[in-house]
Amino acid sequence: MAGVYEEVPLDKMTFDEHELAYTYQCPCGDVFRIFLEELHDGESIAPCDSCTLKLRVLYKPEELPPLPDEPGDLADASAAADD
C-alpha cells in the first residue's frame, strides 16, 4: 500500500488499557495510534497523531484482546463489589 511508512507486528506496539489503543513511536516524536475496536473491525493502518506518516499493523485477529461490553463495566462491577 502506498503511503505506509513501516510495517510493525502488533506485539512490538504498546497497549494502553484505559484508552483501548495500541501505539508505536513515530520518527516525528509523537505516536502512531490505532484503537482496539478498529483492529477488531479489520483495520490495520495506524496514523500518526501529529504528522502524515502511517503504519501498517501486522496481526492476526486471534491475537487481539476482547473488546469490553461497555466502557464502564469493569469499574461498575468493582464498585458494586465494594458495597
PDB file of N, CA and C in Angstrom:
ATOM      1  N   MET A   1       0.849  -1.184   0.000  1.00  0.00           N
ATOM      2  CA  MET A   1       0.000   0.000   0.000  1.00  0.00           C
ATOM      3  C   MET A   1       0.893   1.246   0.000  1.00  0.00           C
ATOM      4  N   ALA A   2       0.610   2.162  -0.875  1.00  0.00           N
ATOM      5  CA  ALA A   2       1.377   3.404  -0.944  1.00  0.00           C
ATOM      6  C   ALA A   2       1.110   4.258   0.290  1.00  0.00           C
ATOM      7  N   GLY A   3       2.131   4.948   0.735  1.00  0.00           N
ATOM      8  CA  GLY A   3       1.955   5.862   1.855  1.00  0.00           C
ATOM      9  C   GLY A   3       2.180   5.245   3.221  1.00  0.00           C
ATOM     10  N   VAL A   4       2.501   3.955   3.283  1.00  0.00           N
ATOM     11  CA  VAL A   4       2.765   3.321   4.570  1.00  0.00           C
ATOM     12  C   VAL A   4       4.252   3.441   4.869  1.00  0.00           C
ATOM     13  N   TYR A   5       4.561   4.070   5.978  1.00  0.00           N
ATOM     14  CA  TYR A   5       5.947   4.321   6.380  1.00  0.00           C
ATOM     15  C   TYR A   5       6.652   3.027   6.793  1.00  0.00           C
ATOM     16  N   GLU A   6       5.951   2.192   7.571  1.00  0.00           N
ATOM     17  CA  GLU A   6       6.576   1.000   8.134  1.00  0.00           C
ATOM     18  C   GLU A   6       5.503  -0.036   8.451  1.00  0.00           C
ATOM     19  N   GLU A   7       5.902  -1.311   8.490  1.00  0.00           N
ATOM     20  CA  GLU A   7       5.028  -2.385   8.942  1.00  0.00           C
ATOM     21  C   GLU A   7       5.569  -2.901  10.264  1.00  0.00           C
ATOM     22  N   VAL A   8       4.692  -2.976  11.268  1.00  0.00           N
ATOM     23  CA  VAL A   8       5.114  -3.356  12.614  1.00  0.00           C
ATOM     24  C   VAL A   8       4.188  -4.438  13.161  1.00  0.00           C
ATOM     25  N   PRO A   9       4.747  -5.524  13.699  1.00  0.00           N
ATOM     26  CA  PRO A   9       3.913  -6.544  14.337  1.00  0.00           C
ATOM     27  C   PRO A   9       3.234  -5.984  15.589  1.00  0.00           C
ATOM     28  N   LEU A  10       2.040  -6.449  15.832  1.00  0.00           N
ATOM     29  CA  LEU A  10       1.255  -5.998  16.985  1.00  0.00           C
ATOM     30  C   LEU A  10       2.027  -6.147  18.292  1.00  0.00           C
ATOM     31  N   ASP A  11       2.791  -7.224  18.433  1.00  0.00           N
ATOM     32  CA  ASP A  11       3.496  -7.460  19.693  1.00  0.00           C
ATOM     33  C   ASP A  11       4.650  -6.486  19.939  1.00  0.00           C
ATOM     34  N   LYS A  12       4.989  -5.664  18.969  1.00  0.00           N
ATOM     35  CA  LYS A  12       6.018  -4.636  19.138  1.00  0.00           C
ATOM     36  C   LYS A  12       5.401  -3.286  19.542  1.00  0.00           C
ATOM     37  N   MET A  13       4.083  -3.228  19.565  1.00  0.00           N
ATOM     38  CA  MET A  13       3.377  -1.997  19.920  1.00  0.00           C
ATOM     39  C   MET A  13       3.019  -2.019  21.414  1.00  0.00           C
ATOM     40  N   THR A  14       2.712  -0.846  21.956  1.00  0.00           N
ATOM     41  CA  THR A  14       2.332  -0.708  23.363  1.00  0.00           C
ATOM     42  C   THR A  14       0.811  -0.593  23.459  1.00  0.00           C
ATOM     43  N   PHE A  15       0.211  -1.392  24.355  1.00  0.00           N
ATOM     44  CA  PHE A  15      -1.244  -1.361  24.536  1.00  0.00           C
ATOM     45  C   PHE A  15      -1.597  -0.533  25.761  1.00  0.00           C
ATOM     46  N   ASP A  16      -2.481   0.423  25.587  1.00  0.00           N
ATOM     47  CA  ASP A  16      -2.990   1.258  26.675  1.00  0.00           C
ATOM     48  C   ASP A  16      -4.372   0.730  27.051  1.00  0.00           C
ATOM     49  N   GLU A  17      -4.480   0.124  28.231  1.00  0.00           N
ATOM     50  CA  GLU A  17      -5.737  -0.490  28.667  1.00  0.00           C
ATOM     51  C   GLU A  17      -6.845   0.520  28.922  1.00  0.00           C
ATOM     52  N   HIS A  18      -6.491   1.735  29.313  1.00  0.00           N
ATOM     53  CA  HIS A  18      -7.506   2.757  29.587  1.00  0.00           C
ATOM     54  C   HIS A  18      -8.068   3.335  28.294  1.00  0.00           C
ATOM     55  N   GLU A  19      -7.192   3.530  27.328  1.00  0.00           N
ATOM     56  CA  GLU A  19      -7.600   4.106  26.043  1.00  0.00           C
ATOM     57  C   GLU A  19      -8.056   3.034  25.052  1.00  0.00           C
ATOM     58  N   LEU A  20      -7.739   1.762  25.345  1.00  0.00           N
ATOM     59  CA  LEU A  20      -8.003   0.630  24.447  1.00  0.00           C
ATOM     60  C   LEU A  20      -7.409   0.897  23.063  1.00  0.00           C
ATOM     61  N   ALA A  21      -6.128   1.268  23.069  1.00  0.00           N
ATOM     62  CA  ALA A  21      -5.436   1.598  21.826  1.00  0.00           C
ATOM     63  C   ALA A  21      -3.999   1.102  21.877  1.00  0.00           C
ATOM     64  N   TYR A  22      -3.488   0.757  20.702  1.00  0.00           N
ATOM     65  CA  TYR A  22      -2.086   0.393  20.545  1.00  0.00           C
ATOM     66  C   TYR A  22      -1.342   1.597  19.989  1.00  0.00           C
ATOM     67  N   THR A  23      -0.116   1.820  20.485  1.00  0.00           N
ATOM     68  CA  THR A  23       0.697   2.927  19.998  1.00  0.00           C
ATOM     69  C   THR A  23       2.097   2.428  19.662  1.00  0.00           C
ATOM     70  N   TYR A  24       2.781   3.228  18.820  1.00  0.00           N
ATOM     71  CA  TYR A  24       4.156   2.936  18.412  1.00  0.00           C
ATOM     72  C   TYR A  24       4.826   4.268  18.114  1.00  0.00           C
ATOM     73  N   GLN A  25       6.056   4.432  18.538  1.00  0.00           N
ATOM     74  CA  GLN A  25       6.772   5.697  18.382  1.00  0.00           C
ATOM     75  C   GLN A  25       6.963   6.074  16.913  1.00  0.00           C
ATOM     76  N   CYS A  26       6.608   7.296  16.581  1.00  0.00           N
ATOM     77  CA  CYS A  26       6.790   7.839  15.233  1.00  0.00           C
ATOM     78  C   CYS A  26       8.107   8.618  15.205  1.00  0.00           C
ATOM     79  N   PRO A  27       8.805   8.652  14.065  1.00  0.00           N
ATOM     80  CA  PRO A  27      10.048   9.416  14.000  1.00  0.00           C
ATOM     81  C   PRO A  27       9.857  10.914  14.231  1.00  0.00           C
ATOM     82  N   CYS A  28       8.631  11.425  14.111  1.00  0.00           N
ATOM     83  CA  CYS A  28       8.393  12.855  14.341  1.00  0.00           C
ATOM     84  C   CYS A  28       8.401  13.198  15.831  1.00  0.00           C
ATOM     85  N   GLY A  29       8.359  12.171  16.691  1.00  0.00           N
ATOM     86  CA  GLY A  29       8.347  12.396  18.134  1.00  0.00           C
ATOM     87  C   GLY A  29       7.018  12.084  18.786  1.00  0.00           C
ATOM     88  N   ASP A  30       5.961  11.985  18.008  1.00  0.00           N
ATOM     89  CA  ASP A  30       4.642  11.630  18.545  1.00  0.00           C
ATOM     90  C   ASP A  30       4.465  10.120  18.389  1.00  0.00           C
ATOM     91  N   VAL A  31       3.228   9.636  18.310  1.00  0.00           N
ATOM     92  CA  VAL A  31       2.986   8.200  18.192  1.00  0.00           C
ATOM     93  C   VAL A  31       1.969   7.883  17.102  1.00  0.00           C
ATOM     94  N   PHE A  32       2.148   6.691  16.519  1.00  0.00           N
ATOM     95  CA  PHE A  32       1.112   6.100  15.689  1.00  0.00           C
ATOM     96  C   PHE A  32       0.098   5.522  16.672  1.00  0.00           C
ATOM     97  N   ARG A  33      -1.199   5.585  16.328  1.00  0.00           N
ATOM     98  CA  ARG A  33      -2.226   5.094  17.250  1.00  0.00           C
ATOM     99  C   ARG A  33      -3.330   4.394  16.459  1.00  0.00           C
ATOM    100  N   ILE A  34      -3.733   3.218  16.966  1.00  0.00           N
ATOM    101  CA  ILE A  34      -4.882   2.516  16.405  1.00  0.00           C
ATOM    102  C   ILE A  34      -5.666   1.920  17.570  1.00  0.00           C
ATOM    103  N   PHE A  35      -6.961   2.081  17.524  1.00  0.00           N
ATOM    104  CA  PHE A  35      -7.819   1.624  18.620  1.00  0.00           C
ATOM    105  C   PHE A  35      -8.175   0.152  18.450  1.00  0.00           C
ATOM    106  N   LEU A  36      -8.343  -0.525  19.574  1.00  0.00           N
ATOM    107  CA  LEU A  36      -8.672  -1.947  19.587  1.00  0.00           C
ATOM    108  C   LEU A  36      -9.916  -2.229  18.750  1.00  0.00           C
ATOM    109  N   GLU A  37     -10.909  -1.376  18.851  1.00  0.00           N
ATOM    110  CA  GLU A  37     -12.142  -1.569  18.079  1.00  0.00           C
ATOM    111  C   GLU A  37     -11.860  -1.539  16.571  1.00  0.00           C
ATOM    112  N   GLU A  38     -10.958  -0.658  16.142  1.00  0.00           N
ATOM    113  CA  GLU A  38     -10.588  -0.588  14.724  1.00  0.00           C
ATOM    114  C   GLU A  38      -9.924  -1.889  14.275  1.00  0.00           C
ATOM    115  N   LEU A  39      -9.055  -2.442  15.115  1.00  0.00           N
ATOM    116  CA  LEU A  39      -8.409  -3.713  14.784  1.00  0.00           C
ATOM    117  C   LEU A  39      -9.441  -4.829  14.688  1.00  0.00           C
ATOM    118  N   HIS A  40     -10.397  -4.860  15.610  1.00  0.00           N
ATOM    119  CA  HIS A  40     -11.461  -5.876  15.563  1.00  0.00           C
ATOM    120  C   HIS A  40     -12.314  -5.714  14.298  1.00  0.00           C
ATOM    121  N   ASP A  41     -12.398  -4.494  13.786  1.00  0.00           N
ATOM    122  CA  ASP A  41     -13.151  -4.238  12.555  1.00  0.00           C
ATOM    123  C   ASP A  41     -12.340  -4.536  11.302  1.00  0.00           C
ATOM    124  N   GLY A  42     -11.088  -4.991  11.468  1.00  0.00           N
ATOM    125  CA  GLY A  42     -10.260  -5.356  10.323  1.00  0.00           C
ATOM    126  C   GLY A  42      -9.324  -4.266   9.828  1.00  0.00           C
ATOM    127  N   GLU A  43      -9.321  -3.116  10.482  1.00  0.00           N
ATOM    128  CA  GLU A  43      -8.424  -2.023  10.104  1.00  0.00           C
ATOM    129  C   GLU A  43      -6.992  -2.388  10.486  1.00  0.00           C
ATOM    130  N   SER A  44      -6.018  -1.958   9.684  1.00  0.00           N
ATOM    131  CA  SER A  44      -4.623  -2.250  10.007  1.00  0.00           C
ATOM    132  C   SER A  44      -3.713  -1.035   9.857  1.00  0.00           C
ATOM    133  N   ILE A  45      -4.270   0.122   9.528  1.00  0.00           N
ATOM    134  CA  ILE A  45      -3.475   1.326   9.326  1.00  0.00           C
ATOM    135  C   ILE A  45      -3.592   2.240  10.554  1.00  0.00           C
ATOM    136  N   ALA A  46      -2.429   2.540  11.156  1.00  0.00           N
ATOM    137  CA  ALA A  46      -2.372   3.416  12.325  1.00  0.00           C
ATOM    138  C   ALA A  46      -1.735   4.734  11.907  1.00  0.00           C
ATOM    139  N   PRO A  47      -2.500   5.822  11.894  1.00  0.00           N
ATOM    140  CA  PRO A  47      -1.917   7.124  11.551  1.00  0.00           C
ATOM    141  C   PRO A  47      -1.157   7.708  12.740  1.00  0.00           C
ATOM    142  N   CYS A  48      -0.222   8.595  12.436  1.00  0.00           N
ATOM    143  CA  CYS A  48       0.452   9.347  13.489  1.00  0.00           C
ATOM    144  C   CYS A  48      -0.495  10.448  13.952  1.00  0.00           C
ATOM    145  N   ASP A  49      -0.433  10.761  15.240  1.00  0.00           N
ATOM    146  CA  ASP A  49      -1.285  11.807  15.791  1.00  0.00           C
ATOM    147  C   ASP A  49      -0.870  13.201  15.337  1.00  0.00           C
ATOM    148  N   SER A  50       0.390  13.362  14.866  1.00  0.00           N
ATOM    149  CA  SER A  50       0.893  14.701  14.549  1.00  0.00           C
ATOM    150  C   SER A  50       1.334  14.935  13.111  1.00  0.00           C
ATOM    151  N   CYS A  51       1.734  13.889  12.415  1.00  0.00           N
ATOM    152  CA  CYS A  51       2.246  14.093  11.054  1.00  0.00           C
ATOM    153  C   CYS A  51       1.470  13.231  10.063  1.00  0.00           C
ATOM    154  N   THR A  52       1.937  13.158   8.845  1.00  0.00           N
ATOM    155  CA  THR A  52       1.204  12.442   7.799  1.00  0.00           C
ATOM    156  C   THR A  52       1.621  10.988   7.643  1.00  0.00           C
ATOM    157  N   LEU A  53       2.569  10.511   8.447  1.00  0.00           N
ATOM    158  CA  LEU A  53       3.022   9.127   8.328  1.00  0.00           C
ATOM    159  C   LEU A  53       1.948   8.160   8.820  1.00  0.00           C
ATOM    160  N   LYS A  54       1.962   6.968   8.206  1.00  0.00           N
ATOM    161  CA  LYS A  54       1.034   5.897   8.581  1.00  0.00           C
ATOM    162  C   LYS A  54       1.815   4.610   8.748  1.00  0.00           C
ATOM    163  N   LEU A  55       1.319   3.759   9.611  1.00  0.00           N
ATOM    164  CA  LEU A  55       1.950   2.497   9.953  1.00  0.00           C
ATOM    165  C   LEU A  55       0.977   1.371   9.639  1.00  0.00           C
ATOM    166  N   ARG A  56       1.480   0.275   9.087  1.00  0.00           N
ATOM    167  CA  ARG A  56       0.626  -0.919   8.911  1.00  0.00           C
ATOM    168  C   ARG A  56       0.901  -1.855  10.084  1.00  0.00           C
ATOM    169  N   VAL A  57      -0.155  -2.236  10.789  1.00  0.00           N
ATOM    170  CA  VAL A  57      -0.050  -3.148  11.920  1.00  0.00           C
ATOM    171  C   VAL A  57      -0.239  -4.571  11.402  1.00  0.00           C
ATOM    172  N   LEU A  58       0.736  -5.423  11.687  1.00  0.00           N
ATOM    173  CA  LEU A  58       0.661  -6.825  11.278  1.00  0.00           C
ATOM    174  C   LEU A  58       0.130  -7.635  12.458  1.00  0.00           C
ATOM    175  N   TYR A  59      -1.024  -8.253  12.265  1.00  0.00           N
ATOM    176  CA  TYR A  59      -1.640  -9.013  13.351  1.00  0.00           C
ATOM    177  C   TYR A  59      -2.611 -10.051  12.803  1.00  0.00           C
ATOM    178  N   LYS A  60      -2.945 -11.002  13.668  1.00  0.00           N
ATOM    179  CA  LYS A  60      -3.994 -11.978  13.391  1.00  0.00           C
ATOM    180  C   LYS A  60      -5.129 -11.672  14.358  1.00  0.00           C
ATOM    181  N   PRO A  61      -6.371 -11.747  13.907  1.00  0.00           N
ATOM    182  CA  PRO A  61      -7.500 -11.419  14.790  1.00  0.00           C
ATOM    183  C   PRO A  61      -7.479 -12.160  16.123  1.00  0.00           C
ATOM    184  N   GLU A  62      -6.990 -13.392  16.135  1.00  0.00           N
ATOM    185  CA  GLU A  62      -6.974 -14.159  17.387  1.00  0.00           C
ATOM    186  C   GLU A  62      -5.948 -13.619  18.398  1.00  0.00           C
ATOM    187  N   GLU A  63      -5.043 -12.746  17.972  1.00  0.00           N
ATOM    188  CA  GLU A  63      -4.073 -12.110  18.872  1.00  0.00           C
ATOM    189  C   GLU A  63      -4.692 -10.986  19.699  1.00  0.00           C
ATOM    190  N   LEU A  64      -5.823 -10.473  19.282  1.00  0.00           N
ATOM    191  CA  LEU A  64      -6.415  -9.289  19.911  1.00  0.00           C
ATOM    192  C   LEU A  64      -7.097  -9.618  21.223  1.00  0.00           C
ATOM    193  N   PRO A  65      -6.937  -8.751  22.227  1.00  0.00           N
ATOM    194  CA  PRO A  65      -7.725  -8.919  23.444  1.00  0.00           C
ATOM    195  C   PRO A  65      -9.195  -8.646  23.124  1.00  0.00           C
ATOM    196  N   PRO A  66     -10.106  -9.215  23.891  1.00  0.00           N
ATOM    197  CA  PRO A  66     -11.524  -8.973  23.617  1.00  0.00           C
ATOM    198  C   PRO A  66     -11.908  -7.527  23.907  1.00  0.00           C
ATOM    199  N   LEU A  67     -12.920  -7.079  23.201  1.00  0.00           N
ATOM    200  CA  LEU A  67     -13.477  -5.750  23.470  1.00  0.00           C
ATOM    201  C   LEU A  67     -14.351  -5.834  24.715  1.00  0.00           C
ATOM    202  N   PRO A  68     -14.309  -4.828  25.584  1.00  0.00           N
ATOM    203  CA  PRO A  68     -15.232  -4.823  26.730  1.00  0.00           C
ATOM    204  C   PRO A  68     -16.654  -4.608  26.226  1.00  0.00           C
ATOM    205  N   ASP A  69     -17.639  -5.136  26.967  1.00  0.00           N
ATOM    206  CA  ASP A  69     -19.039  -4.966  26.567  1.00  0.00           C
ATOM    207  C   ASP A  69     -19.415  -3.493  26.584  1.00  0.00           C
ATOM    208  N   GLU A  70     -19.101  -2.826  27.668  1.00  0.00           N
ATOM    209  CA  GLU A  70     -19.355  -1.393  27.831  1.00  0.00           C
ATOM    210  C   GLU A  70     -18.152  -0.782  28.527  1.00  0.00           C
ATOM    211  N   PRO A  71     -17.781   0.442  28.207  1.00  0.00           N
ATOM    212  CA  PRO A  71     -16.587   1.051  28.807  1.00  0.00           C
ATOM    213  C   PRO A  71     -16.564   1.050  30.330  1.00  0.00           C
ATOM    214  N   GLY A  72     -17.702   1.198  30.990  1.00  0.00           N
ATOM    215  CA  GLY A  72     -17.720   1.280  32.447  1.00  0.00           C
ATOM    216  C   GLY A  72     -17.979  -0.037  33.151  1.00  0.00           C
ATOM    217  N   ASP A  73     -18.115  -1.127  32.414  1.00  0.00           N
ATOM    218  CA  ASP A  73     -18.484  -2.398  33.021  1.00  0.00           C
ATOM    219  C   ASP A  73     -17.551  -2.828  34.149  1.00  0.00           C
ATOM    220  N   LEU A  74     -16.249  -2.789  33.939  1.00  0.00           N
ATOM    221  CA  LEU A  74     -15.317  -3.247  34.956  1.00  0.00           C
ATOM    222  C   LEU A  74     -15.359  -2.344  36.178  1.00  0.00           C
ATOM    223  N   ALA A  75     -15.420  -1.060  35.990  1.00  0.00           N
ATOM    224  CA  ALA A  75     -15.470  -0.116  37.106  1.00  0.00           C
ATOM    225  C   ALA A  75     -16.784  -0.274  37.874  1.00  0.00           C
ATOM    226  N   ASP A  76     -17.888  -0.460  37.175  1.00  0.00           N
ATOM    227  CA  ASP A  76     -19.192  -0.638  37.825  1.00  0.00           C
ATOM    228  C   ASP A  76     -19.208  -1.913  38.660  1.00  0.00           C
ATOM    229  N   ALA A  77     -18.643  -3.004  38.130  1.00  0.00           N
ATOM    230  CA  ALA A  77     -18.618  -4.277  38.840  1.00  0.00           C
ATOM    231  C   ALA A  77     -17.768  -4.162  40.097  1.00  0.00           C
ATOM    232  N   SER A  78     -16.653  -3.454  39.992  1.00  0.00           N
ATOM    233  CA  SER A  78     -15.767  -3.268  41.136  1.00  0.00           C
ATOM    234  C   SER A  78     -16.455  -2.438  42.209  1.00  0.00           C
ATOM    235  N   ALA A  79     -17.146  -1.398  41.840  1.00  0.00           N
ATOM    236  CA  ALA A  79     -17.848  -0.532  42.785  1.00  0.00           C
ATOM    237  C   ALA A  79     -18.971  -1.297  43.481  1.00  0.00           C
ATOM    238  N   ALA A  80     -19.674  -2.137  42.741  1.00  0.00           N
ATOM    239  CA  ALA A  80     -20.772  -2.908  43.320  1.00  0.00           C
ATOM    240  C   ALA A  80     -20.250  -3.914  44.331  1.00  0.00           C
ATOM    241  N   ALA A  81     -19.057  -4.476  44.081  1.00  0.00           N
ATOM    242  CA  ALA A  81     -18.466  -5.447  44.994  1.00  0.00           C
ATOM    243  C   ALA A  81     -18.066  -4.796  46.312  1.00  0.00           C
ATOM    244  N   ASP A  82     -17.762  -3.496  46.275  1.00  0.00           N
ATOM    245  CA  ASP A  82     -17.343  -2.788  47.475  1.00  0.00           C
ATOM    246  C   ASP A  82     -18.522  -2.431  48.384  1.00  0.00           C
ATOM    247  N   ASP A  83     -19.749  -2.466  47.859  1.00  0.00           N
ATOM    248  CA  ASP A  83     -20.933  -2.097  48.651  1.00  0.00           C
ATOM    249  C   ASP A  83     -21.313  -3.156  49.660  1.00  0.00           C
TER     250      ASP A  83
END
